[in-house]
């Protein structure tokens, strides 16, 4: 993995956005029977896991 790719991954993790490519490698290595989520599905699932099921708060 290049230095730039590592820095980009670190930056995403710092703001709570896991790396899609890392997810795809994990699924391929550890769950070969599964079809990975699309990038859009992955993003929605991670947002849902991070922010919950709505009812957001303003303060």
Protein backbone atom coordinates (compact mmCIF):
# COMPACT_ATOMS: atom_id res chain seq x y z
CA UNK A 1 0.00 0.00 0.00
CA UNK A 2 1.46 3.37 -0.97
CA UNK A 3 2.11 6.16 1.50
CA UNK A 4 -0.67 8.24 -0.06
CA UNK A 5 -3.16 5.36 0.23
CA UNK A 6 -2.23 4.86 3.89
CA UNK A 7 -2.61 8.57 4.62
CA UNK A 8 -5.98 8.67 2.84
CA UNK A 9 -7.17 5.62 4.80
CA UNK A 10 -5.99 7.19 8.07
CA UNK A 11 -7.79 10.44 7.26
CA UNK A 12 -11.04 8.60 6.49
CA UNK A 13 -10.82 6.63 9.73
CA UNK A 14 -10.18 9.82 11.70
CA UNK A 15 -13.48 11.27 10.48
CA UNK A 16 -15.35 7.98 10.89
CA UNK A 17 -15.40 6.76 7.28
CA UNK A 18 -14.01 3.25 6.96
CA UNK A 19 -12.22 2.39 3.73
CA UNK A 20 -14.30 0.58 1.11
CA UNK A 21 -11.28 -1.12 -0.51
CA UNK A 22 -10.19 -2.49 2.87
CA UNK A 23 -13.72 -3.80 3.40
CA UNK A 24 -13.67 -5.52 -0.01
CA UNK A 25 -10.31 -7.18 0.76
CA UNK A 26 -11.65 -8.35 4.12
CA UNK A 27 -14.76 -9.88 2.53
CA UNK A 28 -12.67 -11.62 -0.15
CA UNK A 29 -10.17 -12.97 2.40
CA UNK A 30 -12.51 -13.96 5.22
CA UNK A 31 -15.97 -14.40 3.69
CA UNK A 32 -15.46 -15.64 0.09
CA UNK A 33 -19.03 -16.96 -0.05
CA UNK A 34 -20.45 -13.43 0.37
CA UNK A 35 -20.93 -10.77 -2.26
CA UNK A 36 -19.53 -7.47 -0.99
CA UNK A 37 -21.87 -4.50 -0.66
CA UNK A 38 -21.67 -1.86 -3.34
CA UNK A 39 -19.83 1.34 -2.45
CA UNK A 40 -23.18 3.12 -1.96
CA UNK A 41 -24.54 0.30 0.26
CA UNK A 42 -21.32 0.30 2.28
CA UNK A 43 -21.49 4.06 2.82
CA UNK A 44 -25.17 3.92 3.88
CA UNK A 45 -24.53 1.00 6.24
CA UNK A 46 -21.58 2.77 7.87
CA UNK A 47 -23.56 6.02 8.23
CA UNK A 48 -26.43 4.08 9.82
CA UNK A 49 -24.07 2.32 12.21
CA UNK A 50 -22.39 5.60 13.14
CA UNK A 51 -25.42 7.88 13.50
CA UNK A 52 -28.16 5.43 14.43
CA UNK A 53 -31.72 5.18 13.23
CA UNK A 54 -32.69 8.82 13.03
CA UNK A 55 -34.42 11.01 15.53
CA UNK A 56 -31.34 13.18 15.34
CA UNK A 57 -30.59 15.79 17.89
CA UNK A 58 -29.81 19.38 17.23
CA UNK A 59 -27.76 19.96 20.39
